């Protein structure tokens, strides 16, 4: 993409004030101001004592009362989760903690192909068969009106824990714990499913004096995986939970997580980061629900057998390779279809549909097309007259709200601002596309479609010192709403001969003020001629620490390159 660089304007007085008050460099102070950080101390030192009171969440007391009764009466509980990473980690979290509280809960994950998303009649029938008294959902259920009624009619109480956007009418469940409820006063609305499940358990343990809080905190590794994988904003409680969870992952005793890290080629001396989850563990967990049975992922995460954990992890790694092959073919087919069906000079949204596309990969393909074309993308796979779709959005376009405007054509839909899913009859796809295009044309401005690189600050290589690196690292974990700071250095030169490695990646060394630093440009091979032009360059980048064979060095991860003026 030909990015426009948007260098953020900063309140210089505020920068000076923070710099003096906290004894920070101007660069770090400027970045903190640009991030909109109010509580500097808490941001740089996220701790568990800063978590909100879980009982501030609507229906939390009702949910806890019912789970406590089930524990005291040794009732049969079914934990009903979703088939993605957030759903499976939520399920594993609830299973492990409830087991430590003396229960032996069952769990159920729906089949993506046969049942689709959310609380299903098939799962409820299993609960009926097992004489279950309570279904506890996680990462799903907020819009399961009919299914909750079916469970109630069969003598089963339902407690919903979810984080997705609710529709106008809520299910008639015993309790609904979802911070996105309009009547929920909880101060932080962006928890993922695993985060909401954690808050329920955090509230529950206040009822049992013998259950020490560390017994819950040791499972924050699962919360970190769910939070990172679900691409929720890494601010407020999400940042605290992920930060603490990453620390616990490094010393985790969970055989499943150990096995996942191993098949992800993660070395023991590496620092575990969000990127290790997003690009390593998460795709392998997700692979179970995309091409196989997601229950395998839960079994892995709760396994106490080294052999079982190793075998499941290896199987998920194998399935993930298969998923990548299917995904690659689907991307190629989608781009071919796109060229014939869309005019990107006019169309502000991309909606593709086809029979035979694998339901398990269309969400990933939608993400890739969104990144390539900088437009919202919806991919619909059709089977037996029913289309199941997955969408990904761009900044400032509320995809869930847009689907709501087109709901007359949909059988079902759900999700949030940036990602959503839908079910539609094949004959309604044409009218749906027309209506969605109208909504997109009304709400998406031309400026929103321009690829923009937001730059936190211009710097020189003299700014890349130990103190600044230390504080940049304290801004982690990085992710949505707390991205790694993007910086610009001007009039740099290339030192030595650049190389193209792998899939058109650039590896080179860059020099300014007689300081030479290593750089990597992932899939930026198109810039190779600029690097060998002997002309001064301006580079946009983030600063990372690269680890190779036990050695750690500063590395610039290049985002864009321009000729200097």
Protein backbone atom coordinates (compact mmCIF):
# COMPACT_ATOMS: atom_id res chain seq x y z
CA UNK A 1 0.00 0.00 0.00
CA UNK A 2 1.03 3.60 -0.62
CA UNK A 3 0.55 4.91 2.91
CA UNK A 4 -0.10 8.48 3.90
CA UNK A 5 1.96 9.24 7.01
CA UNK A 6 -0.09 10.93 9.68
CA UNK A 7 2.36 12.30 12.23
CA UNK A 8 0.36 13.00 15.37
CA UNK A 9 0.32 16.50 16.78
CA UNK A 10 1.05 16.56 20.49
CA UNK A 11 0.35 19.04 23.26
CA UNK A 12 3.93 20.12 24.03
CA UNK A 13 2.99 21.55 27.45
CA UNK A 14 1.47 18.23 28.47
CA UNK A 15 4.57 16.40 27.25
CA UNK A 16 6.82 18.65 29.33
CA UNK A 17 4.58 18.21 32.37
CA UNK A 18 4.68 14.39 32.17
CA UNK A 19 8.41 14.40 31.47
CA UNK A 20 9.13 16.42 34.63
CA UNK A 21 6.61 14.69 36.88
CA UNK A 22 7.64 11.12 36.05
CA UNK A 23 11.27 11.75 35.04
CA UNK A 24 10.69 10.39 31.53
CA UNK A 25 12.31 11.35 28.24
CA UNK A 26 10.43 13.62 25.85
CA UNK A 27 9.99 10.73 23.42
CA UNK A 28 8.35 8.43 25.97
CA UNK A 29 6.24 11.30 27.34
CA UNK A 30 5.09 12.20 23.84
CA UNK A 31 4.08 8.61 23.08
CA UNK A 32 2.12 8.36 26.34
CA UNK A 33 0.27 11.59 25.51
CA UNK A 34 -0.50 10.31 22.01
CA UNK A 35 -1.88 7.10 23.48
CA UNK A 36 -4.21 9.14 25.67
CA UNK A 37 -2.85 7.57 28.86
CA UNK A 38 -4.30 9.29 31.93
CA UNK A 39 -2.87 7.21 34.78
CA UNK A 40 0.82 6.98 33.80
CA UNK A 41 1.85 4.97 36.86
CA UNK A 42 -0.85 2.34 36.40
CA UNK A 43 -0.20 2.09 32.66
CA UNK A 44 3.51 1.46 33.09
CA UNK A 45 2.93 -0.91 36.02
CA UNK A 46 -0.34 -2.86 35.45
CA UNK A 47 -1.21 -4.90 38.55
CA UNK A 48 -4.08 -7.18 39.55
CA UNK A 49 -5.11 -4.98 42.48
CA UNK A 50 -6.35 -2.45 39.89
CA UNK A 51 -9.07 -4.82 38.60
CA UNK A 52 -12.66 -3.63 38.94
CA UNK A 53 -15.11 -5.14 41.42
CA UNK A 54 -16.79 -8.01 39.49
CA UNK A 55 -20.09 -7.39 41.31
CA UNK A 56 -20.43 -4.10 39.42
CA UNK A 57 -21.49 -6.25 36.46
CA UNK A 58 -25.23 -6.67 35.96
CA UNK A 59 -26.60 -10.04 37.14
CA UNK A 60 -23.26 -11.07 38.65
CA UNK A 61 -24.85 -11.71 42.05
CA UNK A 62 -27.57 -13.90 40.46
CA UNK A 63 -24.99 -15.86 38.45
CA UNK A 64 -22.77 -16.43 41.49
CA UNK A 65 -25.72 -17.45 43.70
CA UNK A 66 -26.77 -20.11 41.17
CA UNK A 67 -23.25 -21.49 40.66
CA UNK A 68 -22.69 -21.53 44.43
CA UNK A 69 -25.90 -23.56 44.87
CA UNK A 70 -24.70 -26.01 42.21
CA UNK A 71 -21.39 -26.41 44.03
CA UNK A 72 -22.99 -26.94 47.43
CA UNK A 73 -25.53 -29.45 46.07
CA UNK A 74 -22.99 -31.15 43.78
CA UNK A 75 -25.32 -30.58 40.83
CA UNK A 76 -24.50 -31.55 37.28
CA UNK A 77 -23.17 -28.56 35.30
CA UNK A 78 -22.54 -28.25 31.56
CA UNK A 79 -20.10 -25.55 30.43
CA UNK A 80 -21.13 -24.53 26.92
CA UNK A 81 -18.43 -22.68 24.96
CA UNK A 82 -17.66 -21.43 21.47
CA UNK A 83 -15.36 -23.12 18.96
CA UNK A 84 -12.78 -20.32 18.66
CA UNK A 85 -9.78 -19.58 20.88
CA UNK A 86 -11.72 -17.29 23.19
CA UNK A 87 -14.47 -19.88 23.61
CA UNK A 88 -12.19 -22.84 24.20
CA UNK A 89 -9.93 -21.00 26.67
CA UNK A 90 -13.05 -19.74 28.51
CA UNK A 91 -14.36 -23.29 28.70
CA UNK A 92 -11.03 -24.67 29.96
CA UNK A 93 -10.81 -21.88 32.57
CA UNK A 94 -14.29 -22.62 33.96
CA UNK A 95 -13.72 -26.39 33.92
CA UNK A 96 -10.40 -26.21 35.78
CA UNK A 97 -11.56 -23.80 38.49
CA UNK A 98 -14.93 -25.52 39.04
CA UNK A 99 -13.07 -28.82 39.38
CA UNK A 100 -10.90 -27.28 42.10
CA UNK A 101 -14.11 -26.19 43.82
CA UNK A 102 -15.29 -29.80 43.99
CA UNK A 103 -17.46 -30.14 40.88
CA UNK A 104 -17.03 -32.45 37.90
CA UNK A 105 -18.55 -30.34 35.11
CA UNK A 106 -19.08 -31.55 31.55
CA UNK A 107 -18.36 -29.29 28.60
CA UNK A 108 -19.76 -28.94 25.12
CA UNK A 109 -18.43 -27.10 22.07
CA UNK A 110 -20.74 -26.96 19.03
CA UNK A 111 -19.62 -28.22 15.64
CA UNK A 112 -18.99 -25.25 13.34
CA UNK A 113 -20.28 -27.02 10.21
CA UNK A 114 -23.34 -28.79 11.62
CA UNK A 115 -24.53 -26.49 14.40
CA UNK A 116 -22.98 -23.10 13.72
CA UNK A 117 -22.25 -20.53 16.40
CA UNK A 118 -23.74 -20.40 19.88
CA UNK A 119 -25.97 -22.31 22.25
CA UNK A 120 -27.50 -25.19 20.27
CA UNK A 121 -30.39 -27.62 20.66
CA UNK A 122 -27.94 -30.49 20.10
CA UNK A 123 -25.89 -29.37 23.10
CA UNK A 124 -28.98 -28.85 25.24
CA UNK A 125 -30.20 -32.35 24.34
CA UNK A 126 -26.90 -33.72 25.63
CA UNK A 127 -27.45 -31.79 28.87
CA UNK A 128 -30.95 -33.27 29.18
CA UNK A 129 -29.57 -36.76 28.59
CA UNK A 130 -26.98 -36.27 31.35
CA UNK A 131 -29.60 -34.88 33.77
CA UNK A 132 -27.85 -31.51 33.89
CA UNK A 133 -29.31 -28.90 36.21
CA UNK A 134 -27.31 -25.86 35.06
CA UNK A 135 -25.85 -24.76 31.72
CA UNK A 136 -23.12 -22.15 32.07
CA UNK A 137 -22.27 -20.52 28.74
CA UNK A 138 -19.05 -18.73 27.91
CA UNK A 139 -18.33 -16.53 24.89
CA UNK A 140 -21.84 -17.21 23.58
CA UNK A 141 -25.54 -17.17 24.45
CA UNK A 142 -26.39 -13.47 24.52
CA UNK A 143 -28.85 -13.82 21.62
CA UNK A 144 -29.97 -17.45 22.16
CA UNK A 145 -33.64 -16.65 22.88
CA UNK A 146 -35.22 -19.89 21.58
CA UNK A 147 -32.47 -22.15 22.92
CA UNK A 148 -32.75 -20.75 26.44
CA UNK A 149 -36.51 -21.30 26.37
CA UNK A 150 -35.94 -24.90 25.24
CA UNK A 151 -33.52 -25.51 28.12
CA UNK A 152 -35.92 -23.98 30.66
CA UNK A 153 -38.79 -26.07 29.33
CA UNK A 154 -36.67 -29.12 30.09
CA UNK A 155 -35.89 -28.10 33.65
CA UNK A 156 -32.41 -26.67 33.06
CA UNK A 157 -31.31 -23.28 34.39
CA UNK A 158 -29.11 -21.21 32.09
CA UNK A 159 -26.49 -18.68 33.22
CA UNK A 160 -25.07 -16.76 30.27
CA UNK A 161 -21.57 -15.26 30.31
CA UNK A 162 -20.76 -13.48 27.07
CA UNK A 163 -19.16 -10.35 25.65
CA UNK A 164 -20.93 -9.98 22.30
CA UNK A 165 -23.41 -7.26 21.40
CA UNK A 166 -26.95 -8.11 22.57
CA UNK A 167 -30.05 -7.56 20.48
CA UNK A 168 -32.99 -5.52 21.79
CA UNK A 169 -34.60 -8.54 23.49
CA UNK A 170 -32.47 -10.60 25.90
CA UNK A 171 -32.90 -14.34 26.50
CA UNK A 172 -35.02 -15.39 29.49
CA UNK A 173 -32.00 -16.84 31.31
CA UNK A 174 -31.57 -17.02 35.08
CA UNK A 175 -28.65 -14.58 34.78
CA UNK A 176 -26.97 -12.77 31.89
CA UNK A 177 -23.46 -11.52 32.58
CA UNK A 178 -22.33 -9.40 29.63
CA UNK A 179 -20.70 -5.97 30.06
CA UNK A 180 -22.17 -4.90 26.71
CA UNK A 181 -25.72 -5.07 28.08
CA UNK A 182 -27.21 -1.60 27.83
CA UNK A 183 -28.29 -1.80 31.48
CA UNK A 184 -24.89 -2.99 32.73
CA UNK A 185 -22.98 -0.31 34.71
CA UNK A 186 -19.64 -2.14 34.56
CA UNK A 187 -16.90 0.47 33.87
CA UNK A 188 -15.04 -1.56 31.23
CA UNK A 189 -17.01 -2.91 28.28
CA UNK A 190 -14.31 -4.57 26.18
CA UNK A 191 -13.56 -7.83 27.99
CA UNK A 192 -13.39 -10.94 25.83
CA UNK A 193 -15.28 -14.14 26.70
CA UNK A 194 -12.39 -15.47 28.78
CA UNK A 195 -12.24 -12.12 30.61
CA UNK A 196 -15.95 -12.28 31.49
CA UNK A 197 -15.58 -15.91 32.65
CA UNK A 198 -12.63 -14.80 34.81
CA UNK A 199 -14.74 -12.03 36.39
CA UNK A 200 -17.48 -14.57 37.23
CA UNK A 201 -14.90 -16.80 38.93
CA UNK A 202 -13.35 -13.79 40.66
CA UNK A 203 -16.79 -12.99 42.12
CA UNK A 204 -17.48 -16.65 42.95
CA UNK A 205 -14.36 -17.16 45.05
CA UNK A 206 -15.44 -14.38 47.42
CA UNK A 207 -18.02 -16.92 48.68
CA UNK A 208 -15.39 -19.51 49.65
CA UNK A 209 -12.83 -18.45 52.23
CA UNK A 210 -10.83 -21.63 51.66
CA UNK A 211 -10.31 -20.88 47.96
CA UNK A 212 -7.25 -18.65 47.77
CA UNK A 213 -7.23 -16.10 44.94
CA UNK A 214 -3.89 -17.45 43.62
CA UNK A 215 -5.75 -20.63 42.67
CA UNK A 216 -7.60 -18.46 40.17
CA UNK A 217 -4.67 -16.27 39.15
CA UNK A 218 -2.60 -19.30 38.11
CA UNK A 219 -5.08 -19.73 35.23
CA UNK A 220 -4.47 -16.24 33.84
CA UNK A 221 -2.38 -17.88 31.11
CA UNK A 222 -5.69 -19.06 29.60
CA UNK A 223 -7.20 -15.58 29.93
CA UNK A 224 -4.17 -14.05 28.19
CA UNK A 225 -4.48 -16.48 25.26
CA UNK A 226 -8.21 -15.80 24.88
CA UNK A 227 -7.78 -12.02 25.16
CA UNK A 228 -4.88 -11.79 22.70
CA UNK A 229 -6.51 -14.11 20.17
CA UNK A 230 -9.88 -12.32 20.22
CA UNK A 231 -8.29 -9.01 19.15
CA UNK A 232 -10.04 -6.95 21.83
CA UNK A 233 -8.55 -3.58 22.91
CA UNK A 234 -5.49 -4.15 25.10
CA UNK A 235 -6.32 -1.40 27.53
CA UNK A 236 -7.71 -1.24 31.08
CA UNK A 237 -8.50 -4.72 32.49
CA UNK A 238 -7.55 -6.49 29.26
CA UNK A 239 -4.04 -5.09 29.56
CA UNK A 240 -3.74 -6.12 33.21
CA UNK A 241 -5.06 -9.65 32.61
CA UNK A 242 -2.88 -10.17 29.52
CA UNK A 243 0.24 -8.75 31.15
CA UNK A 244 -0.13 -11.01 34.20
CA UNK A 245 -1.18 -13.97 32.04
CA UNK A 246 1.91 -13.73 29.82
CA UNK A 247 4.12 -13.85 32.93
CA UNK A 248 2.34 -17.01 34.09
CA UNK A 249 2.63 -18.60 30.64
CA UNK A 250 6.40 -18.50 31.01
CA UNK A 251 6.20 -20.83 34.03
CA UNK A 252 2.92 -22.58 33.29
CA UNK A 253 2.40 -26.14 34.50
CA UNK A 254 -0.36 -26.73 31.96
CA UNK A 255 0.91 -29.53 29.77
CA UNK A 256 -1.31 -28.40 26.90
CA UNK A 257 0.16 -24.90 26.78
CA UNK A 258 3.69 -26.31 27.09
CA UNK A 259 2.98 -28.63 24.13
CA UNK A 260 1.45 -25.78 22.11
CA UNK A 261 4.51 -23.60 22.62
CA UNK A 262 6.71 -26.51 21.59
CA UNK A 263 4.92 -27.22 18.29
CA UNK A 264 4.89 -23.45 17.66
CA UNK A 265 8.74 -23.59 17.67
CA UNK A 266 8.90 -21.37 20.74
CA UNK A 267 12.24 -21.61 22.51
CA UNK A 268 12.42 -21.71 26.31
CA UNK A 269 14.61 -18.61 26.68
CA UNK A 270 12.26 -16.41 24.65
CA UNK A 271 10.10 -13.73 26.25
CA UNK A 272 6.45 -14.63 25.64
CA UNK A 273 4.63 -11.82 23.83
CA UNK A 274 1.15 -11.30 22.39
CA UNK A 275 2.59 -12.03 18.94
CA UNK A 276 3.58 -15.54 20.09
CA UNK A 277 -0.07 -16.16 20.89
CA UNK A 278 -1.57 -14.48 17.81
CA UNK A 279 0.79 -16.15 15.31
CA UNK A 280 1.76 -19.30 17.22
CA UNK A 281 -0.60 -20.81 19.77
CA UNK A 282 -3.90 -19.25 18.61
CA UNK A 283 -3.96 -20.53 14.99
CA UNK A 284 -3.33 -24.07 16.23
CA UNK A 285 -6.11 -23.86 18.83
CA UNK A 286 -8.41 -22.34 16.21
CA UNK A 287 -7.55 -25.06 13.72
CA UNK A 288 -9.46 -27.57 15.85
CA UNK A 289 -12.72 -25.67 15.46
CA UNK A 290 -12.11 -24.76 11.82
CA UNK A 291 -11.37 -28.20 10.37
CA UNK A 292 -11.94 -30.70 13.17
CA UNK A 293 -13.63 -30.82 16.60
CA UNK A 294 -13.00 -27.78 18.82
CA UNK A 295 -13.43 -30.03 21.85
CA UNK A 296 -9.89 -31.24 21.08
CA UNK A 297 -8.59 -27.79 22.01
CA UNK A 298 -10.36 -27.89 25.39
CA UNK A 299 -9.05 -31.41 26.06
CA UNK A 300 -5.55 -30.13 25.30
CA UNK A 301 -5.82 -27.14 27.64
CA UNK A 302 -7.10 -29.20 30.59
CA UNK A 303 -4.97 -32.30 29.97
CA UNK A 304 -2.94 -33.82 32.80
CA UNK A 305 -1.28 -36.42 30.58
CA UNK A 306 2.02 -35.57 28.84
CA UNK A 307 1.32 -38.13 26.11
CA UNK A 308 -2.22 -36.89 25.49
CA UNK A 309 -1.14 -33.23 25.45
CA UNK A 310 1.74 -33.95 23.09
CA UNK A 311 -0.41 -35.98 20.70
CA UNK A 312 -3.23 -33.39 20.57
CA UNK A 313 -0.78 -30.50 20.06
CA UNK A 314 0.93 -32.33 17.21
CA UNK A 315 -2.45 -33.12 15.65
CA UNK A 316 -3.52 -29.48 15.90
CA UNK A 317 -0.23 -28.44 14.30
CA UNK A 318 -0.94 -30.83 11.42
CA UNK A 319 -4.51 -29.55 11.05
CA UNK A 320 -3.20 -25.98 11.06
CA UNK A 321 -0.94 -26.76 8.10
CA UNK A 322 -3.95 -28.17 6.27
CA UNK A 323 -5.91 -25.04 7.19
CA UNK A 324 -3.18 -22.83 5.74
CA UNK A 325 -3.31 -24.71 2.42
CA UNK A 326 -7.10 -24.37 2.21
CA UNK A 327 -6.82 -20.72 3.21
CA UNK A 328 -4.25 -20.00 0.48
CA UNK A 329 -6.48 -21.53 -2.21
CA UNK A 330 -9.52 -19.65 -0.90
CA UNK A 331 -7.65 -16.32 -0.94
CA UNK A 332 -6.66 -16.91 -4.58
CA UNK A 333 -10.24 -17.83 -5.53
CA UNK A 334 -11.64 -14.83 -3.65
CA UNK A 335 -9.29 -12.37 -5.37
CA UNK A 336 -10.26 -13.85 -8.75
CA UNK A 337 -13.95 -13.52 -7.86
CA UNK A 338 -13.36 -9.98 -6.60
CA UNK A 339 -11.95 -8.81 -9.92
CA UNK A 340 -15.14 -9.82 -11.73
CA UNK A 341 -17.74 -8.81 -9.14
CA UNK A 342 -16.49 -5.52 -7.68
CA UNK A 343 -15.38 -2.11 -8.85
CA UNK A 344 -12.97 -0.92 -6.18
CA UNK A 345 -13.19 2.63 -7.52
CA UNK A 346 -16.82 2.69 -6.36
CA UNK A 347 -17.45 -0.15 -3.93
CA UNK A 348 -16.77 0.73 -0.29
CA UNK A 349 -17.43 -2.79 0.97
CA UNK A 350 -16.45 -6.20 -0.41
CA UNK A 351 -19.00 -9.02 -0.16
CA UNK A 352 -18.13 -12.37 -1.78
CA UNK A 353 -20.17 -15.58 -1.82
CA UNK A 354 -19.59 -19.01 -3.26
CA UNK A 355 -20.63 -22.63 -2.85
CA UNK A 356 -17.94 -24.88 -1.44
CA UNK A 357 -15.78 -22.36 0.39
CA UNK A 358 -14.69 -23.91 3.66
CA UNK A 359 -16.58 -22.39 6.56
CA UNK A 360 -13.53 -22.72 8.78
CA UNK A 361 -11.29 -20.34 6.83
CA UNK A 362 -13.54 -17.60 5.47
CA UNK A 363 -13.01 -15.40 8.53
CA UNK A 364 -9.23 -15.48 8.06
CA UNK A 365 -9.61 -14.81 4.34
CA UNK A 366 -11.89 -11.84 5.10
CA UNK A 367 -9.14 -10.45 7.37
CA UNK A 368 -6.50 -10.82 4.67
CA UNK A 369 -8.65 -9.15 2.02
CA UNK A 370 -9.47 -6.33 4.44
CA UNK A 371 -5.77 -5.71 5.01
CA UNK A 372 -5.05 -5.82 1.26
CA UNK A 373 -7.87 -3.56 0.06
CA UNK A 374 -8.56 -1.49 3.20
CA UNK A 375 -12.31 -2.12 2.99
CA UNK A 376 -14.76 -4.05 5.14
CA UNK A 377 -15.05 -7.61 3.82
CA UNK A 378 -17.77 -10.24 4.22
CA UNK A 379 -17.16 -13.77 2.97
CA UNK A 380 -20.18 -16.09 2.62
CA UNK A 381 -19.91 -19.87 2.18
CA UNK A 382 -23.06 -21.50 0.75
CA UNK A 383 -24.15 -25.06 1.45
CA UNK A 384 -27.57 -26.56 0.73
CA UNK A 385 -29.16 -23.18 0.15
CA UNK A 386 -27.84 -21.63 3.38
CA UNK A 387 -24.99 -19.14 3.49
CA UNK A 388 -22.82 -18.69 6.54
CA UNK A 389 -20.75 -15.56 6.52
CA UNK A 390 -17.86 -14.00 8.38
CA UNK A 391 -16.97 -10.32 8.21
CA UNK A 392 -14.10 -8.05 9.20
CA UNK A 393 -14.28 -4.27 9.33
CA UNK A 394 -12.08 -1.20 9.09
CA UNK A 395 -11.65 1.51 11.70
CA UNK A 396 -14.78 3.61 12.34
CA UNK A 397 -17.23 1.32 10.47
CA UNK A 398 -19.46 -0.59 12.90
CA UNK A 399 -20.01 -3.91 11.15
CA UNK A 400 -22.45 -5.26 13.74
CA UNK A 401 -24.56 -2.11 13.47
CA UNK A 402 -24.51 -2.36 9.66
CA UNK A 403 -25.77 -5.96 9.81
CA UNK A 404 -28.52 -4.80 12.14
CA UNK A 405 -29.69 -2.39 9.44
CA UNK A 406 -29.86 -5.33 7.00
CA UNK A 407 -31.35 -7.83 9.43
CA UNK A 408 -34.54 -8.26 7.34
CA UNK A 409 -32.48 -10.44 4.97
CA UNK A 410 -30.64 -12.41 7.66
CA UNK A 411 -31.61 -15.56 9.55
CA UNK A 412 -29.15 -14.76 12.31
CA UNK A 413 -26.16 -12.53 13.01
CA UNK A 414 -23.87 -11.54 15.87
CA UNK A 415 -20.49 -10.14 16.79
CA UNK A 416 -19.12 -6.68 17.44
CA UNK A 417 -17.82 -3.54 15.74
CA UNK A 418 -14.80 -5.04 13.97
CA UNK A 419 -15.91 -8.65 13.38
CA UNK A 420 -19.23 -10.40 12.93
CA UNK A 421 -20.88 -13.54 11.63
CA UNK A 422 -24.17 -14.16 9.87
CA UNK A 423 -26.51 -16.81 8.50
CA UNK A 424 -28.56 -16.11 5.36
CA UNK A 425 -30.75 -17.95 2.86
CA UNK A 426 -29.12 -18.14 -0.57
CA UNK A 427 -32.00 -16.33 -2.26
CA UNK A 428 -31.55 -13.34 0.07
CA UNK A 429 -27.85 -12.82 -0.68
CA UNK A 430 -28.47 -10.51 -3.65
CA UNK A 431 -30.81 -8.10 -1.81
CA UNK A 432 -28.54 -8.26 1.26
CA UNK A 433 -25.50 -7.20 -0.79
CA UNK A 434 -27.44 -4.31 -2.30
CA UNK A 435 -28.58 -3.08 1.12
CA UNK A 436 -25.12 -3.46 2.68
CA UNK A 437 -23.60 -1.46 -0.16
CA UNK A 438 -26.11 1.31 0.51
CA UNK A 439 -25.23 1.29 4.22
CA UNK A 440 -21.49 1.31 3.46
CA UNK A 441 -21.79 4.15 0.94
CA UNK A 442 -23.66 6.19 3.52
CA UNK A 443 -21.31 5.54 6.44
CA UNK A 444 -17.85 5.08 4.90
CA UNK A 445 -16.14 8.25 3.76
CA UNK A 446 -13.43 8.36 1.08
CA UNK A 447 -10.94 9.33 3.78
CA UNK A 448 -11.71 6.13 5.70
CA UNK A 449 -10.58 4.10 2.67
CA UNK A 450 -7.20 5.81 2.41
CA UNK A 451 -4.45 3.69 3.97
CA UNK A 452 -2.98 5.82 6.73
CA UNK A 453 0.04 5.07 8.88
CA UNK A 454 -0.35 6.87 12.21
CA UNK A 455 3.08 7.98 13.42
CA UNK A 456 3.67 8.66 17.11
CA UNK A 457 6.86 10.67 16.69
CA UNK A 458 9.81 11.57 14.50
CA UNK A 459 13.09 10.50 16.08
CA UNK A 460 16.79 10.17 15.36
CA UNK A 461 18.77 7.03 16.06
CA UNK A 462 20.25 8.83 19.08
CA UNK A 463 16.81 8.36 20.70
CA UNK A 464 17.17 4.57 20.45
CA UNK A 465 18.93 4.16 23.80
CA UNK A 466 18.60 1.78 26.75
CA UNK A 467 16.35 4.08 28.79
CA UNK A 468 13.83 4.59 25.98
CA UNK A 469 13.88 0.89 25.08
CA UNK A 470 13.17 0.07 28.74
CA UNK A 471 10.07 2.27 28.82
CA UNK A 472 8.90 1.16 25.38
CA UNK A 473 8.96 -2.40 26.71
CA UNK A 474 6.93 -1.32 29.75
CA UNK A 475 4.17 -0.19 27.37
CA UNK A 476 3.60 -3.83 26.43
CA UNK A 477 1.55 -5.94 25.97
CA UNK A 478 0.80 -4.44 22.57
CA UNK A 479 -2.36 -4.95 20.59
CA UNK A 480 -5.53 -3.12 19.48
CA UNK A 481 -5.85 0.34 21.11
CA UNK A 482 -2.30 -0.04 22.45
CA UNK A 483 -0.23 -0.70 19.37
CA UNK A 484 3.56 -0.69 19.44
CA UNK A 485 4.57 2.96 18.81
CA UNK A 486 5.28 3.77 15.16
CA UNK A 487 8.21 6.12 14.60
CA UNK A 488 9.85 7.89 11.68
CA UNK A 489 13.54 8.54 11.06
CA UNK A 490 14.56 10.77 8.14
CA UNK A 491 17.59 10.94 5.87
CA UNK A 492 18.93 7.50 6.68
CA UNK A 493 21.26 5.50 4.46
CA UNK A 494 21.68 1.80 3.80
CA UNK A 495 24.75 0.09 5.25
CA UNK A 496 26.00 -2.92 3.31
CA UNK A 497 24.00 -4.95 0.81
CA UNK A 498 20.27 -5.55 1.46
CA UNK A 499 18.92 -9.09 1.09
CA UNK A 500 15.56 -10.51 0.03
CA UNK A 501 14.73 -13.55 2.14
CA UNK A 502 11.79 -15.94 2.34
CA UNK A 503 8.50 -14.63 0.93
CA UNK A 504 9.78 -11.28 -0.34
CA UNK A 505 11.01 -10.08 3.07
CA UNK A 506 13.76 -7.45 3.26
CA UNK A 507 16.72 -7.76 5.61
CA UNK A 508 19.20 -4.89 5.75
CA UNK A 509 21.10 -2.47 7.98
CA UNK A 510 20.34 1.23 8.17
CA UNK A 511 22.59 4.10 9.28
CA UNK A 512 22.08 7.58 10.74
CA UNK A 513 24.44 9.72 12.84
CA UNK A 514 27.04 6.93 12.42
CA UNK A 515 24.70 4.57 14.27
CA UNK A 516 23.93 1.34 12.40
CA UNK A 517 20.86 -0.72 13.26
CA UNK A 518 19.46 -3.96 11.82
CA UNK A 519 16.10 -3.80 10.05
CA UNK A 520 13.52 -6.24 8.71
CA UNK A 521 10.71 -5.46 6.26
CA UNK A 522 8.13 -8.25 6.18
CA UNK A 523 6.77 -8.69 2.63
CA UNK A 524 8.37 -5.40 1.56
CA UNK A 525 10.49 -6.83 -1.24
CA UNK A 526 8.97 -4.24 -3.61
CA UNK A 527 11.17 -1.60 -1.91
CA UNK A 528 14.43 -3.37 -2.78
CA UNK A 529 15.32 -0.97 -5.62
CA UNK A 530 14.90 1.98 -3.26
CA UNK A 531 17.39 0.39 -0.86
CA UNK A 532 20.06 0.06 -3.53
CA UNK A 533 19.46 3.51 -5.08
CA UNK A 534 22.10 5.23 -2.90
CA UNK A 535 19.54 7.95 -2.11
CA UNK A 536 18.69 9.02 1.47
CA UNK A 537 15.46 7.52 2.75
CA UNK A 538 12.76 8.19 5.32
CA UNK A 539 11.62 5.08 7.16
CA UNK A 540 8.56 4.33 9.29
CA UNK A 541 9.08 1.53 11.81
CA UNK A 542 8.51 0.07 15.22
CA UNK A 543 11.38 -0.83 17.53
CA UNK A 544 11.64 -4.48 18.52
CA UNK A 545 14.15 -6.74 20.22
CA UNK A 546 15.04 -9.66 17.98
CA UNK A 547 16.10 -12.96 19.57
CA UNK A 548 18.23 -15.41 17.60
CA UNK A 549 20.23 -18.32 19.03
CA UNK A 550 20.08 -16.85 22.52
CA UNK A 551 21.32 -13.42 21.43
CA UNK A 552 19.12 -10.34 21.63
CA UNK A 553 19.53 -7.22 19.50
CA UNK A 554 17.56 -4.09 18.66
CA UNK A 555 15.79 -4.38 15.33
CA UNK A 556 13.64 -1.95 13.35
CA UNK A 557 10.50 -3.57 11.97
CA UNK A 558 9.93 -1.46 8.86
CA UNK A 559 6.36 -0.45 7.98
CA UNK A 560 6.99 1.89 5.03
CA UNK A 561 9.81 3.56 3.11
CA UNK A 562 9.90 6.85 1.17
CA UNK A 563 12.62 8.83 -0.55
CA UNK A 564 13.79 11.79 1.55
CA UNK A 565 12.87 15.23 0.23
